[in-house]
């Protein structure tokens, strides 16, 4: 744990190194919320559509969701969120004339109902 999802809008496809960003996010989780390196799993998902208000289509978004077991201090979660925001600004730039919206959400999951497995081939 944590399970990390990074949703990004279609215009960002190919504009940033997902692996480098994922590794950097995983390292932050280890450093900031004391996650085990092998427990950090980051999934990238390209969204199909993204619209902001009356947008003309030049806007993009990256939304990062952390699902973690309860017990981390609010200050640690806030520090992780701030650090991830800084990483996003470092790794992803909006197109000229466009805007990049970024958001990070860190939520606790129910330890009693969460299940995971590793299947080896």
C-alpha atoms as a PDB file:
ATOM      1  CA  UNK A   1       0.000   0.000   0.000  1.00  0.00           C
ATOM      2  CA  UNK A   2      -0.429   2.765  -1.226  1.00  0.00           C
ATOM      3  CA  UNK A   3      -2.448   2.343  -4.384  1.00  0.00           C
ATOM      4  CA  UNK A   4      -1.764   5.394  -6.534  1.00  0.00           C
ATOM      5  CA  UNK A   5      -3.723   6.426  -9.618  1.00  0.00           C
ATOM      6  CA  UNK A   6      -2.720   9.199 -11.997  1.00  0.00           C
ATOM      7  CA  UNK A   7      -5.460  10.273 -14.396  1.00  0.00           C
ATOM      8  CA  UNK A   8      -4.383  12.629 -17.151  1.00  0.00           C
ATOM      9  CA  UNK A   9      -6.278  14.333 -19.939  1.00  0.00           C
ATOM     10  CA  UNK A  10      -5.798  13.234 -23.550  1.00  0.00           C
ATOM     11  CA  UNK A  11      -3.793  16.252 -24.681  1.00  0.00           C
ATOM     12  CA  UNK A  12      -0.971  15.246 -22.340  1.00  0.00           C
ATOM     13  CA  UNK A  13      -0.420  11.884 -24.036  1.00  0.00           C
ATOM     14  CA  UNK A  14       3.260  11.599 -24.876  1.00  0.00           C
ATOM     15  CA  UNK A  15       4.158  14.930 -23.280  1.00  0.00           C
ATOM     16  CA  UNK A  16       5.711  13.546 -20.088  1.00  0.00           C
ATOM     17  CA  UNK A  17       7.641  10.504 -18.933  1.00  0.00           C
ATOM     18  CA  UNK A  18       5.091   8.457 -16.983  1.00  0.00           C
ATOM     19  CA  UNK A  19       7.674   6.013 -15.649  1.00  0.00           C
ATOM     20  CA  UNK A  20       9.922   8.780 -14.300  1.00  0.00           C
ATOM     21  CA  UNK A  21       6.966  10.520 -12.679  1.00  0.00           C
ATOM     22  CA  UNK A  22       5.676   7.248 -11.208  1.00  0.00           C
ATOM     23  CA  UNK A  23       9.057   6.408  -9.708  1.00  0.00           C
ATOM     24  CA  UNK A  24       9.327   9.908  -8.247  1.00  0.00           C
ATOM     25  CA  UNK A  25       5.829   9.650  -6.731  1.00  0.00           C
ATOM     26  CA  UNK A  26       6.669   6.240  -5.257  1.00  0.00           C
ATOM     27  CA  UNK A  27       9.867   7.629  -3.699  1.00  0.00           C
ATOM     28  CA  UNK A  28       7.884  10.473  -2.156  1.00  0.00           C
ATOM     29  CA  UNK A  29       5.450   8.002  -0.602  1.00  0.00           C
ATOM     30  CA  UNK A  30       8.356   6.103   0.937  1.00  0.00           C
ATOM     31  CA  UNK A  31       9.936   9.284   2.266  1.00  0.00           C
ATOM     32  CA  UNK A  32       6.809  11.125   3.378  1.00  0.00           C
ATOM     33  CA  UNK A  33       4.380   8.509   4.684  1.00  0.00           C
ATOM     34  CA  UNK A  34       6.852   5.693   5.413  1.00  0.00           C
ATOM     35  CA  UNK A  35       5.485   3.377   2.726  1.00  0.00           C
ATOM     36  CA  UNK A  36       7.525   0.333   1.754  1.00  0.00           C
ATOM     37  CA  UNK A  37       9.008   0.745  -1.754  1.00  0.00           C
ATOM     38  CA  UNK A  38       7.598  -2.563  -3.009  1.00  0.00           C
ATOM     39  CA  UNK A  39       4.149  -1.587  -1.721  1.00  0.00           C
ATOM     40  CA  UNK A  40       3.926   1.554  -3.892  1.00  0.00           C
ATOM     41  CA  UNK A  41       1.951   0.837  -7.042  1.00  0.00           C
ATOM     42  CA  UNK A  42       1.247   3.680  -9.442  1.00  0.00           C
ATOM     43  CA  UNK A  43      -1.229   3.292 -12.267  1.00  0.00           C
ATOM     44  CA  UNK A  44      -1.525   5.821 -15.111  1.00  0.00           C
ATOM     45  CA  UNK A  45      -4.837   6.255 -16.896  1.00  0.00           C
ATOM     46  CA  UNK A  46      -5.436   8.459 -19.900  1.00  0.00           C
ATOM     47  CA  UNK A  47      -8.923   9.904 -19.769  1.00  0.00           C
ATOM     48  CA  UNK A  48     -10.923  10.167 -22.958  1.00  0.00           C
ATOM     49  CA  UNK A  49     -12.412  13.605 -22.480  1.00  0.00           C
ATOM     50  CA  UNK A  50     -11.751  16.665 -20.361  1.00  0.00           C
ATOM     51  CA  UNK A  51     -13.782  19.869 -20.301  1.00  0.00           C
ATOM     52  CA  UNK A  52     -13.461  22.924 -18.056  1.00  0.00           C
ATOM     53  CA  UNK A  53     -16.355  25.369 -17.939  1.00  0.00           C
ATOM     54  CA  UNK A  54     -16.588  27.048 -21.338  1.00  0.00           C
ATOM     55  CA  UNK A  55     -13.128  25.792 -22.288  1.00  0.00           C
ATOM     56  CA  UNK A  56     -11.882  26.003 -25.848  1.00  0.00           C
ATOM     57  CA  UNK A  57      -9.984  22.739 -25.446  1.00  0.00           C
ATOM     58  CA  UNK A  58      -6.471  23.996 -24.602  1.00  0.00           C
ATOM     59  CA  UNK A  59      -6.803  23.010 -20.939  1.00  0.00           C
ATOM     60  CA  UNK A  60      -5.352  19.829 -19.445  1.00  0.00           C
ATOM     61  CA  UNK A  61      -5.614  18.092 -16.077  1.00  0.00           C
ATOM     62  CA  UNK A  62      -3.651  15.634 -13.968  1.00  0.00           C
ATOM     63  CA  UNK A  63      -5.412  14.125 -10.960  1.00  0.00           C
ATOM     64  CA  UNK A  64      -3.445  11.971  -8.515  1.00  0.00           C
ATOM     65  CA  UNK A  65      -5.297   9.749  -6.057  1.00  0.00           C
ATOM     66  CA  UNK A  66      -3.548   8.025  -3.149  1.00  0.00           C
ATOM     67  CA  UNK A  67      -5.406   5.310  -1.304  1.00  0.00           C
ATOM     68  CA  UNK A  68      -3.573   4.457   1.883  1.00  0.00           C
ATOM     69  CA  UNK A  69      -4.201   2.595   5.104  1.00  0.00           C
ATOM     70  CA  UNK A  70      -5.322   4.809   7.989  1.00  0.00           C
ATOM     71  CA  UNK A  71      -2.927   6.032  10.639  1.00  0.00           C
ATOM     72  CA  UNK A  72      -0.833   8.648   8.856  1.00  0.00           C
ATOM     73  CA  UNK A  73      -0.765  12.072  10.464  1.00  0.00           C
ATOM     74  CA  UNK A  74      -2.644  14.832   8.639  1.00  0.00           C
ATOM     75  CA  UNK A  75       0.653  16.732   8.400  1.00  0.00           C
ATOM     76  CA  UNK A  76       2.297  13.796   6.606  1.00  0.00           C
ATOM     77  CA  UNK A  77      -0.603  13.584   4.151  1.00  0.00           C
ATOM     78  CA  UNK A  78      -0.438  17.336   3.520  1.00  0.00           C
ATOM     79  CA  UNK A  79       3.335  17.153   2.989  1.00  0.00           C
ATOM     80  CA  UNK A  80       2.854  14.305   0.507  1.00  0.00           C
ATOM     81  CA  UNK A  81       0.170  16.244  -1.377  1.00  0.00           C
ATOM     82  CA  UNK A  82       2.354  19.348  -1.576  1.00  0.00           C
ATOM     83  CA  UNK A  83       5.364  17.338  -2.726  1.00  0.00           C
ATOM     84  CA  UNK A  84       3.328  15.575  -5.425  1.00  0.00           C
ATOM     85  CA  UNK A  85       2.029  18.940  -6.658  1.00  0.00           C
ATOM     86  CA  UNK A  86       5.644  20.115  -6.964  1.00  0.00           C
ATOM     87  CA  UNK A  87       6.558  16.943  -8.884  1.00  0.00           C
ATOM     88  CA  UNK A  88       3.686  17.476 -11.301  1.00  0.00           C
ATOM     89  CA  UNK A  89       4.871  21.017 -11.997  1.00  0.00           C
ATOM     90  CA  UNK A  90       8.398  19.680 -12.555  1.00  0.00           C
ATOM     91  CA  UNK A  91       7.413  16.831 -14.899  1.00  0.00           C
ATOM     92  CA  UNK A  92       4.440  18.225 -16.843  1.00  0.00           C
ATOM     93  CA  UNK A  93       4.115  21.567 -18.581  1.00  0.00           C
ATOM     94  CA  UNK A  94       1.012  22.968 -20.278  1.00  0.00           C
ATOM     95  CA  UNK A  95       1.090  23.658 -23.984  1.00  0.00           C
ATOM     96  CA  UNK A  96       1.723  27.296 -24.933  1.00  0.00           C
ATOM     97  CA  UNK A  97      -1.470  29.232 -24.308  1.00  0.00           C
ATOM     98  CA  UNK A  98      -2.987  26.342 -22.342  1.00  0.00           C
ATOM     99  CA  UNK A  99      -3.574  25.723 -18.688  1.00  0.00           C
ATOM    100  CA  UNK A 100      -2.693  22.677 -16.610  1.00  0.00           C
ATOM    101  CA  UNK A 101      -4.932  21.895 -13.661  1.00  0.00           C
ATOM    102  CA  UNK A 102      -3.437  19.576 -11.057  1.00  0.00           C
ATOM    103  CA  UNK A 103      -5.000  17.983  -8.000  1.00  0.00           C
ATOM    104  CA  UNK A 104      -3.927  15.441  -5.407  1.00  0.00           C
ATOM    105  CA  UNK A 105      -6.245  13.538  -3.088  1.00  0.00           C
ATOM    106  CA  UNK A 106      -5.040  11.296  -0.291  1.00  0.00           C
ATOM    107  CA  UNK A 107      -7.694   9.133   1.284  1.00  0.00           C
ATOM    108  CA  UNK A 108      -7.762   6.331   3.814  1.00  0.00           C
ATOM    109  CA  UNK A 109      -9.172   2.998   2.763  1.00  0.00           C
ATOM    110  CA  UNK A 110     -10.939   0.501   4.967  1.00  0.00           C
ATOM    111  CA  UNK A 111      -8.239  -1.909   6.084  1.00  0.00           C
ATOM    112  CA  UNK A 112     -10.837  -4.567   6.953  1.00  0.00           C
ATOM    113  CA  UNK A 113     -12.351  -4.710   3.477  1.00  0.00           C
ATOM    114  CA  UNK A 114      -9.228  -4.183   1.340  1.00  0.00           C
ATOM    115  CA  UNK A 115      -7.783  -7.267  -0.316  1.00  0.00           C
ATOM    116  CA  UNK A 116      -4.747  -7.670  -2.557  1.00  0.00           C
ATOM    117  CA  UNK A 117      -2.685 -10.493  -3.987  1.00  0.00           C
ATOM    118  CA  UNK A 118       0.486 -11.027  -5.981  1.00  0.00           C
ATOM    119  CA  UNK A 119       0.237 -13.664  -8.693  1.00  0.00           C
ATOM    120  CA  UNK A 120       3.500 -14.820 -10.174  1.00  0.00           C
ATOM    121  CA  UNK A 121       3.921 -16.525 -13.510  1.00  0.00           C
END
